[in-house]
Amino acid sequence: MAKPNKKGPTKTVDIFCKACNAPLFKYRKGGKATLIKCFKERISKDYTITAGVCPKCEKTFARDTLIKGTAAYKMIGGKVWFK
């Protein structure tokens, strides 16, 4: 399978925890669809201390995985929102 575009999109979105509204990432997202996965190479600012865990409420919001041979976070449904 093809790897995601290295350069990626230029539009960034802020990703927040649904439980406590703490900022988690600034992410270069393409398209208008829901957030299912975050490629680590597209994260421009990371506010988390532990991977996939909210720094404020300490709830797990994502799992570490490989997608198309690239390191990514697979989001757990209903745990995050973005704008």
C-alpha atoms as a PDB file:
ATOM      1  CA  MET A   1       0.000   0.000   0.000  1.00  0.00           C
ATOM      2  CA  ALA A   2       1.073   3.562  -0.613  1.00  0.00           C
ATOM      3  CA  LYS A   3       2.373   5.683   2.250  1.00  0.00           C
ATOM      4  CA  PRO A   4       0.648   8.979   3.121  1.00  0.00           C
ATOM      5  CA  ASN A   5       1.949  12.153   1.490  1.00  0.00           C
ATOM      6  CA  LYS A   6       5.071  13.312   3.405  1.00  0.00           C
ATOM      7  CA  LYS A   7       4.379  17.008   2.989  1.00  0.00           C
ATOM      8  CA  GLY A   8       0.731  16.606   3.901  1.00  0.00           C
ATOM      9  CA  PRO A   9      -1.989  19.250   3.955  1.00  0.00           C
ATOM     10  CA  THR A  10      -1.328  22.825   5.060  1.00  0.00           C
ATOM     11  CA  LYS A  11      -4.566  23.292   7.040  1.00  0.00           C
ATOM     12  CA  THR A  12      -4.105  22.578  10.756  1.00  0.00           C
ATOM     13  CA  VAL A  13      -6.804  21.612  13.228  1.00  0.00           C
ATOM     14  CA  ASP A  14      -6.718  21.659  17.025  1.00  0.00           C
ATOM     15  CA  ILE A  15      -7.644  18.339  18.648  1.00  0.00           C
ATOM     16  CA  PHE A  16      -9.180  18.358  22.148  1.00  0.00           C
ATOM     17  CA  CYS A  17     -10.212  15.781  24.753  1.00  0.00           C
ATOM     18  CA  LYS A  18     -13.999  15.309  24.797  1.00  0.00           C
ATOM     19  CA  ALA A  19     -14.122  14.767  28.587  1.00  0.00           C
ATOM     20  CA  CYS A  20     -12.148  17.801  29.811  1.00  0.00           C
ATOM     21  CA  ASN A  21     -11.515  19.946  26.674  1.00  0.00           C
ATOM     22  CA  ALA A  22      -7.738  19.840  27.188  1.00  0.00           C
ATOM     23  CA  PRO A  23      -5.705  20.465  23.998  1.00  0.00           C
ATOM     24  CA  LEU A  24      -4.022  17.299  22.709  1.00  0.00           C
ATOM     25  CA  PHE A  25      -2.527  18.055  19.257  1.00  0.00           C
ATOM     26  CA  LYS A  26      -2.179  20.561  16.462  1.00  0.00           C
ATOM     27  CA  TYR A  27      -2.573  18.335  13.403  1.00  0.00           C
ATOM     28  CA  ARG A  28      -2.267  18.895   9.640  1.00  0.00           C
ATOM     29  CA  LYS A  29      -5.533  17.293   8.517  1.00  0.00           C
ATOM     30  CA  GLY A  30      -6.739  16.866   4.964  1.00  0.00           C
ATOM     31  CA  GLY A  31     -10.440  16.849   4.092  1.00  0.00           C
ATOM     32  CA  LYS A  32     -13.591  17.452   6.099  1.00  0.00           C
ATOM     33  CA  ALA A  33     -14.267  13.911   7.307  1.00  0.00           C
ATOM     34  CA  THR A  34     -14.251  12.715  10.913  1.00  0.00           C
ATOM     35  CA  LEU A  35     -10.980  12.137  12.737  1.00  0.00           C
ATOM     36  CA  ILE A  36     -10.178   8.414  12.727  1.00  0.00           C
ATOM     37  CA  LYS A  37      -6.391   8.377  12.681  1.00  0.00           C
ATOM     38  CA  CYS A  38      -3.517  10.813  13.187  1.00  0.00           C
ATOM     39  CA  PHE A  39      -0.241  10.153  11.411  1.00  0.00           C
ATOM     40  CA  LYS A  40       2.573  11.094  13.811  1.00  0.00           C
ATOM     41  CA  GLU A  41       4.558  12.850  11.066  1.00  0.00           C
ATOM     42  CA  ARG A  42       1.637  15.282  10.554  1.00  0.00           C
ATOM     43  CA  ILE A  43       1.389  16.352  14.214  1.00  0.00           C
ATOM     44  CA  SER A  44       2.841  19.865  14.374  1.00  0.00           C
ATOM     45  CA  LYS A  45       2.413  20.416  18.150  1.00  0.00           C
ATOM     46  CA  ASP A  46       1.963  17.663  20.760  1.00  0.00           C
ATOM     47  CA  TYR A  47       0.564  18.645  24.168  1.00  0.00           C
ATOM     48  CA  THR A  48       0.460  15.087  25.581  1.00  0.00           C
ATOM     49  CA  ILE A  49       2.987  13.647  28.019  1.00  0.00           C
ATOM     50  CA  THR A  50       2.163   9.951  27.543  1.00  0.00           C
ATOM     51  CA  ALA A  51       1.223   8.718  24.053  1.00  0.00           C
ATOM     52  CA  GLY A  52      -2.545   8.368  23.624  1.00  0.00           C
ATOM     53  CA  VAL A  53      -3.414   9.611  27.129  1.00  0.00           C
ATOM     54  CA  CYS A  54      -4.956  12.999  27.981  1.00  0.00           C
ATOM     55  CA  PRO A  55      -2.564  15.068  30.143  1.00  0.00           C
ATOM     56  CA  LYS A  56      -5.408  16.587  32.208  1.00  0.00           C
ATOM     57  CA  CYS A  57      -7.944  13.807  32.913  1.00  0.00           C
ATOM     58  CA  GLU A  58      -5.577  10.895  32.081  1.00  0.00           C
ATOM     59  CA  LYS A  59      -8.157   9.036  29.976  1.00  0.00           C
ATOM     60  CA  THR A  60      -6.989   7.041  26.951  1.00  0.00           C
ATOM     61  CA  PHE A  61      -8.081   8.676  23.681  1.00  0.00           C
ATOM     62  CA  ALA A  62      -5.982   6.774  21.086  1.00  0.00           C
ATOM     63  CA  ARG A  63      -3.963   3.630  20.415  1.00  0.00           C
ATOM     64  CA  ASP A  64      -0.460   3.457  18.921  1.00  0.00           C
ATOM     65  CA  THR A  65      -0.505   1.582  15.598  1.00  0.00           C
ATOM     66  CA  LEU A  66       1.009   1.273  12.127  1.00  0.00           C
ATOM     67  CA  ILE A  67      -1.181   2.386   9.211  1.00  0.00           C
ATOM     68  CA  LYS A  68       0.155   1.928   5.666  1.00  0.00           C
ATOM     69  CA  GLY A  69       3.595   1.276   7.187  1.00  0.00           C
ATOM     70  CA  THR A  70       3.650   4.634   9.010  1.00  0.00           C
ATOM     71  CA  ALA A  71       3.387   5.275  12.763  1.00  0.00           C
ATOM     72  CA  ALA A  72      -0.011   6.690  13.714  1.00  0.00           C
ATOM     73  CA  TYR A  73      -2.567   7.080  16.485  1.00  0.00           C
ATOM     74  CA  LYS A  74      -5.907   5.338  15.947  1.00  0.00           C
ATOM     75  CA  MET A  75      -8.541   7.424  17.700  1.00  0.00           C
ATOM     76  CA  ILE A  76     -11.092   5.805  19.992  1.00  0.00           C
ATOM     77  CA  GLY A  77     -14.592   6.858  18.921  1.00  0.00           C
ATOM     78  CA  GLY A  78     -16.167   9.685  20.915  1.00  0.00           C
ATOM     79  CA  LYS A  79     -13.024  10.537  22.924  1.00  0.00           C
ATOM     80  CA  VAL A  80     -11.808  13.580  20.943  1.00  0.00           C
ATOM     81  CA  TRP A  81     -13.182  16.545  18.990  1.00  0.00           C
ATOM     82  CA  PHE A  82     -11.492  19.050  16.697  1.00  0.00           C
ATOM     83  CA  LYS A  83     -11.938  22.528  15.273  1.00  0.00           C
END
